[in-house]
Amino acid sequence: MNPPDRDAVVARLRPLMARLGRRRGVRHVALGASAVDGSWTWADAAGAADANGEPMGPVTPWFIASVTKLHIAAVILRLHEQGHIDLQAPITRYLPEEFGERLHVHDGIDRTSEINAVHLLGHLSGLPDYLEEKPRDGMSLVEEIVEGPDRGWTPEDAVRRARDQLTPHFPPSDPRGARPRIRYSDTNYQLLVIAAGHVTGQPRERLYRELLFNPLSLDRTWLPGHDSPEPVVEPATVFVGGRALDDRPLAMASFGDLYSTTDDLLRFVPRALASLFQ
């Protein structure tokens, strides 16, 4: 099958990008497309990159937020290929001892040992979301970040918050069952990050760089709190609840999500992601 004509695709996507950029509450839009065979790519952007009205450009880095979960999943699958992680084994095998129990207590039963990497990758664990969910008589962590002073935390802190202040929603669900239960939770991927670091003894940034960034030439992708590529265009401002998080460097580094560009994402997904596991 021949790849679609680039000009025809761009002609359809540009008006869509412009309409999205005009929507109320949308500050900027980044959009890209690529032929699966890699014969062409296209990237563009609209809107303002910051509160001062700096135009968003096709090479402007932006905070990719939970798109980072694709990168974390790729790291876990690489470690699986290398024999470090069995996707079907209890995830507790790859976690520090303090997380060996009571991460998931549902209806009085501790189901921590039932959770494996497949549950975490597919949001099948039933674990609560440490970031968005509110403890009883309290605020969510996102609300605390927006309304309070800058603060940082580790993946281990995130898991402790979910364990100690929140409640699981259902037992780990069988992905091969007739009706598997799925509930999105950032806690799942915090556990995967902890597992990856624990079995390799390597920090997350080094794992990204050695397993993904360097092999795939992701030269404009980086983890906040670590050195950004040079030279680099100033990244687009992150807004949460209408507030710019320029004054929240500790929180931005603690989310664990990446900055990247549309071009780097087009290199990573789908072509590079597919070739990575050939």
C-alpha atoms as a PDB file:
ATOM      1  CA  MET A   1       0.000   0.000   0.000  1.00  0.00           C
ATOM      2  CA  ASN A   2       1.383   3.399  -0.963  1.00  0.00           C
ATOM      3  CA  PRO A   3       1.697   5.989   1.796  1.00  0.00           C
ATOM      4  CA  PRO A   4      -0.835   8.832   1.700  1.00  0.00           C
ATOM      5  CA  ASP A   5       0.138  11.967  -0.166  1.00  0.00           C
ATOM      6  CA  ARG A   6       1.803  14.424   2.193  1.00  0.00           C
ATOM      7  CA  ASP A   7       0.219  17.534   0.705  1.00  0.00           C
ATOM      8  CA  ALA A   8      -3.264  16.019   0.913  1.00  0.00           C
ATOM      9  CA  VAL A   9      -2.773  15.084   4.577  1.00  0.00           C
ATOM     10  CA  VAL A  10      -1.381  18.501   5.477  1.00  0.00           C
ATOM     11  CA  ALA A  11      -4.238  20.231   3.666  1.00  0.00           C
ATOM     12  CA  ARG A  12      -6.689  18.409   5.938  1.00  0.00           C
ATOM     13  CA  LEU A  13      -4.738  18.845   9.160  1.00  0.00           C
ATOM     14  CA  ARG A  14      -3.869  22.541   8.980  1.00  0.00           C
ATOM     15  CA  PRO A  15      -7.507  23.756   9.210  1.00  0.00           C
ATOM     16  CA  LEU A  16      -8.092  21.299  12.065  1.00  0.00           C
ATOM     17  CA  MET A  17      -5.092  22.680  13.924  1.00  0.00           C
ATOM     18  CA  ALA A  18      -6.293  26.229  13.376  1.00  0.00           C
ATOM     19  CA  ARG A  19      -9.795  25.412  14.684  1.00  0.00           C
ATOM     20  CA  LEU A  20      -8.348  23.751  17.780  1.00  0.00           C
ATOM     21  CA  GLY A  21      -6.147  26.779  18.402  1.00  0.00           C
ATOM     22  CA  ARG A  22      -9.181  29.073  18.386  1.00  0.00           C
ATOM     23  CA  ARG A  23     -11.118  27.074  20.975  1.00  0.00           C
ATOM     24  CA  ARG A  24     -11.745  28.725  24.298  1.00  0.00           C
ATOM     25  CA  GLY A  25      -9.177  27.680  26.896  1.00  0.00           C
ATOM     26  CA  VAL A  26      -6.711  26.243  24.355  1.00  0.00           C
ATOM     27  CA  ARG A  27      -3.457  28.161  24.600  1.00  0.00           C
ATOM     28  CA  HIS A  28      -1.420  26.306  22.022  1.00  0.00           C
ATOM     29  CA  VAL A  29      -1.609  23.305  19.707  1.00  0.00           C
ATOM     30  CA  ALA A  30       1.151  21.053  18.377  1.00  0.00           C
ATOM     31  CA  LEU A  31       0.243  18.671  15.576  1.00  0.00           C
ATOM     32  CA  GLY A  32       2.219  16.257  13.464  1.00  0.00           C
ATOM     33  CA  ALA A  33       1.847  13.414  11.010  1.00  0.00           C
ATOM     34  CA  SER A  34       4.131  10.845   9.447  1.00  0.00           C
ATOM     35  CA  ALA A  35       3.947   8.215   6.754  1.00  0.00           C
ATOM     36  CA  VAL A  36       4.346   4.802   8.363  1.00  0.00           C
ATOM     37  CA  ASP A  37       7.210   3.985   5.997  1.00  0.00           C
ATOM     38  CA  GLY A  38       9.010   7.149   7.069  1.00  0.00           C
ATOM     39  CA  SER A  39       9.011   8.697   3.624  1.00  0.00           C
ATOM     40  CA  TRP A  40       7.740  12.005   5.006  1.00  0.00           C
ATOM     41  CA  THR A  41       6.870  13.764   8.238  1.00  0.00           C
ATOM     42  CA  TRP A  42       5.124  17.031   8.958  1.00  0.00           C
ATOM     43  CA  ALA A  43       4.864  19.106  12.126  1.00  0.00           C
ATOM     44  CA  ASP A  44       3.356  22.492  12.874  1.00  0.00           C
ATOM     45  CA  ALA A  45       1.946  24.453  15.780  1.00  0.00           C
ATOM     46  CA  ALA A  46      -0.443  27.284  16.582  1.00  0.00           C
ATOM     47  CA  GLY A  47      -1.138  29.597  19.482  1.00  0.00           C
ATOM     48  CA  ALA A  48       1.112  31.204  22.062  1.00  0.00           C
ATOM     49  CA  ALA A  49       3.938  29.306  23.718  1.00  0.00           C
ATOM     50  CA  ASP A  50       3.876  31.449  26.865  1.00  0.00           C
ATOM     51  CA  ALA A  51       1.875  34.086  28.716  1.00  0.00           C
ATOM     52  CA  ASN A  52       3.737  36.841  26.837  1.00  0.00           C
ATOM     53  CA  GLY A  53       2.385  35.687  23.490  1.00  0.00           C
ATOM     54  CA  GLU A  54       5.554  34.144  22.049  1.00  0.00           C
ATOM     55  CA  PRO A  55       4.336  32.194  19.000  1.00  0.00           C
ATOM     56  CA  MET A  56       4.277  28.412  19.285  1.00  0.00           C
ATOM     57  CA  GLY A  57       6.454  26.959  16.550  1.00  0.00           C
ATOM     58  CA  PRO A  58       6.889  23.469  15.083  1.00  0.00           C
ATOM     59  CA  VAL A  59      10.197  23.024  16.949  1.00  0.00           C
ATOM     60  CA  THR A  60       8.985  24.389  20.296  1.00  0.00           C
ATOM     61  CA  PRO A  61       9.423  21.728  23.010  1.00  0.00           C
ATOM     62  CA  TRP A  62       6.343  21.041  25.099  1.00  0.00           C
ATOM     63  CA  PHE A  63       5.522  19.102  28.235  1.00  0.00           C
ATOM     64  CA  ILE A  64       4.165  15.820  26.897  1.00  0.00           C
ATOM     65  CA  ALA A  65       2.583  14.869  30.257  1.00  0.00           C
ATOM     66  CA  SER A  66       1.146  11.352  30.228  1.00  0.00           C
ATOM     67  CA  VAL A  67       2.373  10.637  26.717  1.00  0.00           C
ATOM     68  CA  THR A  68       5.497   9.855  28.764  1.00  0.00           C
ATOM     69  CA  LYS A  69       3.803   6.625  29.792  1.00  0.00           C
ATOM     70  CA  LEU A  70       4.642   5.293  26.313  1.00  0.00           C
ATOM     71  CA  HIS A  71       8.309   5.915  27.065  1.00  0.00           C
ATOM     72  CA  ILE A  72       8.054   4.235  30.472  1.00  0.00           C
ATOM     73  CA  ALA A  73       6.295   1.264  28.891  1.00  0.00           C
ATOM     74  CA  ALA A  74       9.068   1.037  26.277  1.00  0.00           C
ATOM     75  CA  VAL A  75      11.697   0.980  29.038  1.00  0.00           C
ATOM     76  CA  ILE A  76       9.836  -1.805  30.859  1.00  0.00           C
ATOM     77  CA  LEU A  77       9.516  -3.865  27.669  1.00  0.00           C
ATOM     78  CA  ARG A  78      13.213  -3.411  26.923  1.00  0.00           C
ATOM     79  CA  LEU A  79      14.041  -4.598  30.449  1.00  0.00           C
ATOM     80  CA  HIS A  80      11.716  -7.544  29.874  1.00  0.00           C
ATOM     81  CA  GLU A  81      13.594  -8.394  26.669  1.00  0.00           C
ATOM     82  CA  GLN A  82      16.871  -8.193  28.583  1.00  0.00           C
ATOM     83  CA  GLY A  83      15.587 -10.615  31.216  1.00  0.00           C
ATOM     84  CA  HIS A  84      15.317  -8.126  34.059  1.00  0.00           C
ATOM     85  CA  ILE A  85      11.519  -8.137  34.452  1.00  0.00           C
ATOM     86  CA  ASP A  86       8.999 -10.943  33.965  1.00  0.00           C
ATOM     87  CA  LEU A  87       5.770  -9.216  32.969  1.00  0.00           C
ATOM     88  CA  GLN A  88       3.648 -11.939  34.594  1.00  0.00           C
ATOM     89  CA  ALA A  89       5.566 -12.153  37.874  1.00  0.00           C
ATOM     90  CA  PRO A  90       4.376 -10.314  40.997  1.00  0.00           C
ATOM     91  CA  ILE A  91       5.650  -6.746  40.710  1.00  0.00           C
ATOM     92  CA  THR A  92       6.747  -6.978  44.350  1.00  0.00           C
ATOM     93  CA  ARG A  93       9.664  -9.097  43.115  1.00  0.00           C
ATOM     94  CA  TYR A  94      11.100  -5.920  41.574  1.00  0.00           C
ATOM     95  CA  LEU A  95      10.226  -3.388  44.276  1.00  0.00           C
ATOM     96  CA  PRO A  96      11.972  -2.322  47.485  1.00  0.00           C
ATOM     97  CA  GLU A  97      10.955  -4.321  50.536  1.00  0.00           C
ATOM     98  CA  GLU A  98       8.773  -1.534  51.958  1.00  0.00           C
ATOM     99  CA  PHE A  99       6.340  -1.992  49.051  1.00  0.00           C
ATOM    100  CA  GLY A 100       6.070  -5.751  49.430  1.00  0.00           C
ATOM    101  CA  GLU A 101       2.636  -5.578  51.047  1.00  0.00           C
ATOM    102  CA  ARG A 102      -0.437  -3.412  51.698  1.00  0.00           C
ATOM    103  CA  LEU A 103      -0.134  -1.437  48.475  1.00  0.00           C
ATOM    104  CA  HIS A 104      -3.524  -2.804  47.491  1.00  0.00           C
ATOM    105  CA  VAL A 105      -5.953  -3.666  50.268  1.00  0.00           C
ATOM    106  CA  HIS A 106      -9.486  -4.163  48.950  1.00  0.00           C
ATOM    107  CA  ASP A 107     -12.397  -5.377  51.116  1.00  0.00           C
ATOM    108  CA  GLY A 108      -9.901  -6.189  53.846  1.00  0.00           C
ATOM    109  CA  ILE A 109      -7.768  -8.438  51.610  1.00  0.00           C
ATOM    110  CA  ASP A 110      -4.183  -7.528  50.744  1.00  0.00           C
ATOM    111  CA  ARG A 111      -3.914  -8.151  47.003  1.00  0.00           C
ATOM    112  CA  THR A 112      -0.492  -6.558  46.510  1.00  0.00           C
ATOM    113  CA  SER A 113       1.107  -9.861  45.498  1.00  0.00           C
ATOM    114  CA  GLU A 114      -1.478 -10.305  42.708  1.00  0.00           C
ATOM    115  CA  ILE A 115      -0.270  -7.232  40.798  1.00  0.00           C
ATOM    116  CA  ASN A 116       2.137  -7.753  37.908  1.00  0.00           C
ATOM    117  CA  ALA A 117       3.623  -5.475  35.251  1.00  0.00           C
ATOM    118  CA  VAL A 118       0.787  -6.239  32.817  1.00  0.00           C
ATOM    119  CA  HIS A 119      -1.720  -4.911  35.350  1.00  0.00           C
ATOM    120  CA  LEU A 120       0.298  -1.730  35.742  1.00  0.00           C
ATOM    121  CA  LEU A 121       0.942  -1.188  32.028  1.00  0.00           C
ATOM    122  CA  GLY A 122      -2.736  -1.624  31.185  1.00  0.00           C
ATOM    123  CA  HIS A 123      -4.245   0.207  34.194  1.00  0.00           C
ATOM    124  CA  LEU A 124      -5.803  -3.051  35.348  1.00  0.00           C
ATOM    125  CA  SER A 125      -4.513  -2.907  38.919  1.00  0.00           C
ATOM    126  CA  GLY A 126      -7.389  -1.013  40.529  1.00  0.00           C
ATOM    127  CA  LEU A 127      -4.894   1.176  42.391  1.00  0.00           C
ATOM    128  CA  PRO A 128      -5.947   4.767  43.190  1.00  0.00           C
ATOM    129  CA  ASP A 129      -4.396   7.733  41.391  1.00  0.00           C
ATOM    130  CA  TYR A 130      -1.961   9.475  43.720  1.00  0.00           C
ATOM    131  CA  LEU A 131      -2.074  12.664  41.638  1.00  0.00           C
ATOM    132  CA  GLU A 132      -5.744  13.321  40.898  1.00  0.00           C
ATOM    133  CA  GLU A 133      -7.677  11.614  43.682  1.00  0.00           C
ATOM    134  CA  LYS A 134      -8.501  13.306  46.963  1.00  0.00           C
ATOM    135  CA  PRO A 135      -7.948  11.748  50.369  1.00  0.00           C
ATOM    136  CA  ARG A 136     -10.799  12.046  52.797  1.00  0.00           C
ATOM    137  CA  ASP A 137     -11.200  15.672  53.903  1.00  0.00           C
ATOM    138  CA  GLY A 138      -8.247  16.747  51.793  1.00  0.00           C
ATOM    139  CA  MET A 139      -7.136  18.054  48.414  1.00  0.00           C
ATOM    140  CA  SER A 140      -5.685  16.169  45.490  1.00  0.00           C
ATOM    141  CA  LEU A 141      -1.954  16.545  44.952  1.00  0.00           C
ATOM    142  CA  VAL A 142      -2.634  18.579  41.809  1.00  0.00           C
ATOM    143  CA  GLU A 143      -4.747  21.003  43.853  1.00  0.00           C
ATOM    144  CA  GLU A 144      -2.009  21.247  46.473  1.00  0.00           C
ATOM    145  CA  ILE A 145       0.530  22.082  43.764  1.00  0.00           C
ATOM    146  CA  VAL A 146      -1.613  24.761  42.145  1.00  0.00           C
ATOM    147  CA  GLU A 147      -2.786  26.389  45.364  1.00  0.00           C
ATOM    148  CA  GLY A 148       0.256  25.957  47.601  1.00  0.00           C
ATOM    149  CA  PRO A 149       4.008  26.528  47.451  1.00  0.00           C
ATOM    150  CA  ASP A 150       6.296  24.623  45.131  1.00  0.00           C
ATOM    151  CA  ARG A 151       7.143  21.161  46.401  1.00  0.00           C
ATOM    152  CA  GLY A 152       8.873  18.025  45.211  1.00  0.00           C
ATOM    153  CA  TRP A 153       8.369  14.315  45.742  1.00  0.00           C
ATOM    154  CA  THR A 154       9.818  10.997  44.607  1.00  0.00           C
ATOM    155  CA  PRO A 155       8.053   8.059  42.932  1.00  0.00           C
ATOM    156  CA  GLU A 156       8.290   6.344  46.308  1.00  0.00           C
ATOM    157  CA  ASP A 157       6.497   9.286  47.949  1.00  0.00           C
ATOM    158  CA  ALA A 158       3.775   9.052  45.301  1.00  0.00           C
ATOM    159  CA  VAL A 159       3.212   5.365  46.009  1.00  0.00           C
ATOM    160  CA  ARG A 160       3.161   5.971  49.760  1.00  0.00           C
ATOM    161  CA  ARG A 161       0.490   8.636  49.259  1.00  0.00           C
ATOM    162  CA  ALA A 162      -1.652   6.191  47.292  1.00  0.00           C
ATOM    163  CA  ARG A 163      -1.080   3.439  49.858  1.00  0.00           C
ATOM    164  CA  ASP A 164      -1.596   5.489  53.015  1.00  0.00           C
ATOM    165  CA  GLN A 165      -4.220   8.062  52.028  1.00  0.00           C
ATOM    166  CA  LEU A 166      -6.295   6.566  49.223  1.00  0.00           C
ATOM    167  CA  THR A 167      -8.357   3.433  48.588  1.00  0.00           C
ATOM    168  CA  PRO A 168      -8.107   0.903  45.719  1.00  0.00           C
ATOM    169  CA  HIS A 169     -11.164   0.671  43.475  1.00  0.00           C
ATOM    170  CA  PHE A 170     -11.231  -3.044  42.584  1.00  0.00           C
ATOM    171  CA  PRO A 171      -9.011  -6.151  42.753  1.00  0.00           C
ATOM    172  CA  PRO A 172      -6.373  -6.559  40.029  1.00  0.00           C
ATOM    173  CA  SER A 173      -8.285  -7.484  36.882  1.00  0.00           C
ATOM    174  CA  ASP A 174      -7.450 -10.341  34.515  1.00  0.00           C
ATOM    175  CA  PRO A 175      -6.717  -8.840  31.073  1.00  0.00           C
ATOM    176  CA  ARG A 176      -7.801 -12.120  29.485  1.00  0.00           C
ATOM    177  CA  GLY A 177     -11.127 -12.143  31.295  1.00  0.00           C
ATOM    178  CA  ALA A 178     -14.470 -11.578  29.607  1.00  0.00           C
ATOM    179  CA  ARG A 179     -14.808  -8.052  31.001  1.00  0.00           C
ATOM    180  CA  PRO A 180     -11.500  -6.768  32.404  1.00  0.00           C
ATOM    181  CA  ARG A 181     -11.798  -3.684  34.576  1.00  0.00           C
ATOM    182  CA  ILE A 182      -9.629  -0.701  33.707  1.00  0.00           C
ATOM    183  CA  ARG A 183      -9.178   2.529  35.630  1.00  0.00           C
ATOM    184  CA  TYR A 184      -6.504   5.062  34.746  1.00  0.00           C
ATOM    185  CA  SER A 185      -4.028   5.684  37.555  1.00  0.00           C
ATOM    186  CA  ASP A 186      -0.693   7.500  37.563  1.00  0.00           C
ATOM    187  CA  THR A 187       0.305   5.301  40.500  1.00  0.00           C
ATOM    188  CA  ASN A 188       0.672   2.345  38.131  1.00  0.00           C
ATOM    189  CA  TYR A 189       3.472   4.014  36.214  1.00  0.00           C
ATOM    190  CA  GLN A 190       5.171   5.338  39.336  1.00  0.00           C
ATOM    191  CA  LEU A 191       5.477   1.710  40.425  1.00  0.00           C
ATOM    192  CA  LEU A 192       6.939   0.775  37.042  1.00  0.00           C
ATOM    193  CA  VAL A 193       9.507   3.560  37.363  1.00  0.00           C
ATOM    194  CA  ILE A 194      10.470   2.295  40.824  1.00  0.00           C
ATOM    195  CA  ALA A 195      10.741  -1.278  39.536  1.00  0.00           C
ATOM    196  CA  ALA A 196      12.941  -0.259  36.601  1.00  0.00           C
ATOM    197  CA  GLY A 197      15.315   1.603  38.877  1.00  0.00           C
ATOM    198  CA  HIS A 198      15.359  -1.120  41.507  1.00  0.00           C
ATOM    199  CA  VAL A 199      16.264  -3.997  39.174  1.00  0.00           C
ATOM    200  CA  THR A 200      18.926  -2.053  37.267  1.00  0.00           C
ATOM    201  CA  GLY A 201      20.325   0.200  39.973  1.00  0.00           C
ATOM    202  CA  GLN A 202      20.117   3.037  37.448  1.00  0.00           C
ATOM    203  CA  PRO A 203      18.291   6.388  37.763  1.00  0.00           C
ATOM    204  CA  ARG A 204      15.349   6.945  35.478  1.00  0.00           C
ATOM    205  CA  GLU A 205      17.069   9.610  33.369  1.00  0.00           C
ATOM    206  CA  ARG A 206      19.955   7.253  32.547  1.00  0.00           C
ATOM    207  CA  LEU A 207      17.541   4.465  31.601  1.00  0.00           C
ATOM    208  CA  TYR A 208      15.701   6.815  29.256  1.00  0.00           C
ATOM    209  CA  ARG A 209      18.942   7.961  27.706  1.00  0.00           C
ATOM    210  CA  GLU A 210      20.543   4.549  27.285  1.00  0.00           C
ATOM    211  CA  LEU A 211      17.453   2.613  26.215  1.00  0.00           C
ATOM    212  CA  LEU A 212      15.523   5.250  24.249  1.00  0.00           C
ATOM    213  CA  PHE A 213      17.014   8.698  23.684  1.00  0.00           C
ATOM    214  CA  ASN A 214      20.411   7.678  22.336  1.00  0.00           C
ATOM    215  CA  PRO A 215      19.374   4.646  20.237  1.00  0.00           C
ATOM    216  CA  LEU A 216      16.468   6.546  18.665  1.00  0.00           C
ATOM    217  CA  SER A 217      18.223   9.925  18.343  1.00  0.00           C
ATOM    218  CA  LEU A 218      15.627  11.667  20.473  1.00  0.00           C
ATOM    219  CA  ASP A 219      17.823  14.745  20.672  1.00  0.00           C
ATOM    220  CA  ARG A 220      15.130  17.148  21.870  1.00  0.00           C
ATOM    221  CA  THR A 221      13.576  15.025  24.618  1.00  0.00           C
ATOM    222  CA  TRP A 222      14.539  15.373  28.262  1.00  0.00           C
ATOM    223  CA  LEU A 223      13.407  14.897  31.837  1.00  0.00           C
ATOM    224  CA  PRO A 224      12.702  18.117  33.777  1.00  0.00           C
ATOM    225  CA  GLY A 225      15.286  18.727  36.443  1.00  0.00           C
ATOM    226  CA  HIS A 226      18.034  17.363  34.209  1.00  0.00           C
ATOM    227  CA  ASP A 227      20.108  19.024  31.524  1.00  0.00           C
ATOM    228  CA  SER A 228      18.112  19.947  28.437  1.00  0.00           C
ATOM    229  CA  PRO A 229      19.639  19.522  24.960  1.00  0.00           C
ATOM    230  CA  GLU A 230      21.744  22.368  23.629  1.00  0.00           C
ATOM    231  CA  PRO A 231      20.839  24.476  21.813  1.00  0.00           C
ATOM    232  CA  VAL A 232      17.156  24.276  22.651  1.00  0.00           C
ATOM    233  CA  VAL A 233      14.186  26.543  22.030  1.00  0.00           C
ATOM    234  CA  GLU A 234      12.521  27.670  25.266  1.00  0.00           C
ATOM    235  CA  PRO A 235       9.767  25.128  26.013  1.00  0.00           C
ATOM    236  CA  ALA A 236       6.116  26.089  26.015  1.00  0.00           C
ATOM    237  CA  THR A 237       4.660  27.123  29.358  1.00  0.00           C
ATOM    238  CA  VAL A 238       2.678  24.480  31.241  1.00  0.00           C
ATOM    239  CA  PHE A 239      -0.731  25.526  32.531  1.00  0.00           C
ATOM    240  CA  VAL A 240      -2.812  23.643  35.112  1.00  0.00           C
ATOM    241  CA  GLY A 241      -6.195  24.959  36.106  1.00  0.00           C
ATOM    242  CA  GLY A 242      -5.468  28.212  34.291  1.00  0.00           C
ATOM    243  CA  ARG A 243      -2.238  28.768  36.220  1.00  0.00           C
ATOM    244  CA  ALA A 244       1.224  28.772  34.664  1.00  0.00           C
ATOM    245  CA  LEU A 245       3.625  26.445  36.459  1.00  0.00           C
ATOM    246  CA  ASP A 246       6.761  28.421  35.639  1.00  0.00           C
ATOM    247  CA  ASP A 247       7.274  28.934  39.371  1.00  0.00           C
ATOM    248  CA  ARG A 248       6.931  25.216  40.179  1.00  0.00           C
ATOM    249  CA  PRO A 249      10.274  23.662  39.112  1.00  0.00           C
ATOM    250  CA  LEU A 250      10.265  21.120  41.939  1.00  0.00           C
ATOM    251  CA  ALA A 251       6.783  19.921  41.050  1.00  0.00           C
ATOM    252  CA  MET A 252       7.556  19.870  37.319  1.00  0.00           C
ATOM    253  CA  ALA A 253      10.567  17.647  37.962  1.00  0.00           C
ATOM    254  CA  SER A 254       8.568  15.407  40.306  1.00  0.00           C
ATOM    255  CA  PHE A 255       5.772  14.567  37.860  1.00  0.00           C
ATOM    256  CA  GLY A 256       8.349  12.459  36.042  1.00  0.00           C
ATOM    257  CA  ASP A 257       6.995  13.469  32.645  1.00  0.00           C
ATOM    258  CA  LEU A 258       9.146  14.560  29.735  1.00  0.00           C
ATOM    259  CA  TYR A 259       9.628  17.585  27.556  1.00  0.00           C
ATOM    260  CA  SER A 260       9.820  16.747  23.867  1.00  0.00           C
ATOM    261  CA  THR A 261       9.086  18.088  20.387  1.00  0.00           C
ATOM    262  CA  THR A 262       6.571  16.905  17.849  1.00  0.00           C
ATOM    263  CA  ASP A 263       9.424  15.746  15.594  1.00  0.00           C
ATOM    264  CA  ASP A 264      10.893  13.599  18.368  1.00  0.00           C
ATOM    265  CA  LEU A 265       7.494  12.091  19.099  1.00  0.00           C
ATOM    266  CA  LEU A 266       7.046  11.294  15.414  1.00  0.00           C
ATOM    267  CA  ARG A 267      10.411   9.548  15.566  1.00  0.00           C
ATOM    268  CA  PHE A 268       9.373   7.611  18.652  1.00  0.00           C
ATOM    269  CA  VAL A 269       5.787   6.763  17.673  1.00  0.00           C
ATOM    270  CA  PRO A 270       5.070   4.755  15.654  1.00  0.00           C
ATOM    271  CA  ARG A 271       8.124   4.001  13.557  1.00  0.00           C
ATOM    272  CA  ALA A 272      10.884   3.972  16.148  1.00  0.00           C
ATOM    273  CA  LEU A 273       8.713   2.291  18.761  1.00  0.00           C
ATOM    274  CA  ALA A 274       7.992  -0.536  16.315  1.00  0.00           C
ATOM    275  CA  SER A 275      11.594  -0.913  15.198  1.00  0.00           C
ATOM    276  CA  LEU A 276      12.826  -0.889  18.789  1.00  0.00           C
ATOM    277  CA  PHE A 277      11.368  -4.344  19.405  1.00  0.00           C
ATOM    278  CA  GLN A 278      12.150  -6.067  16.108  1.00  0.00           C
END
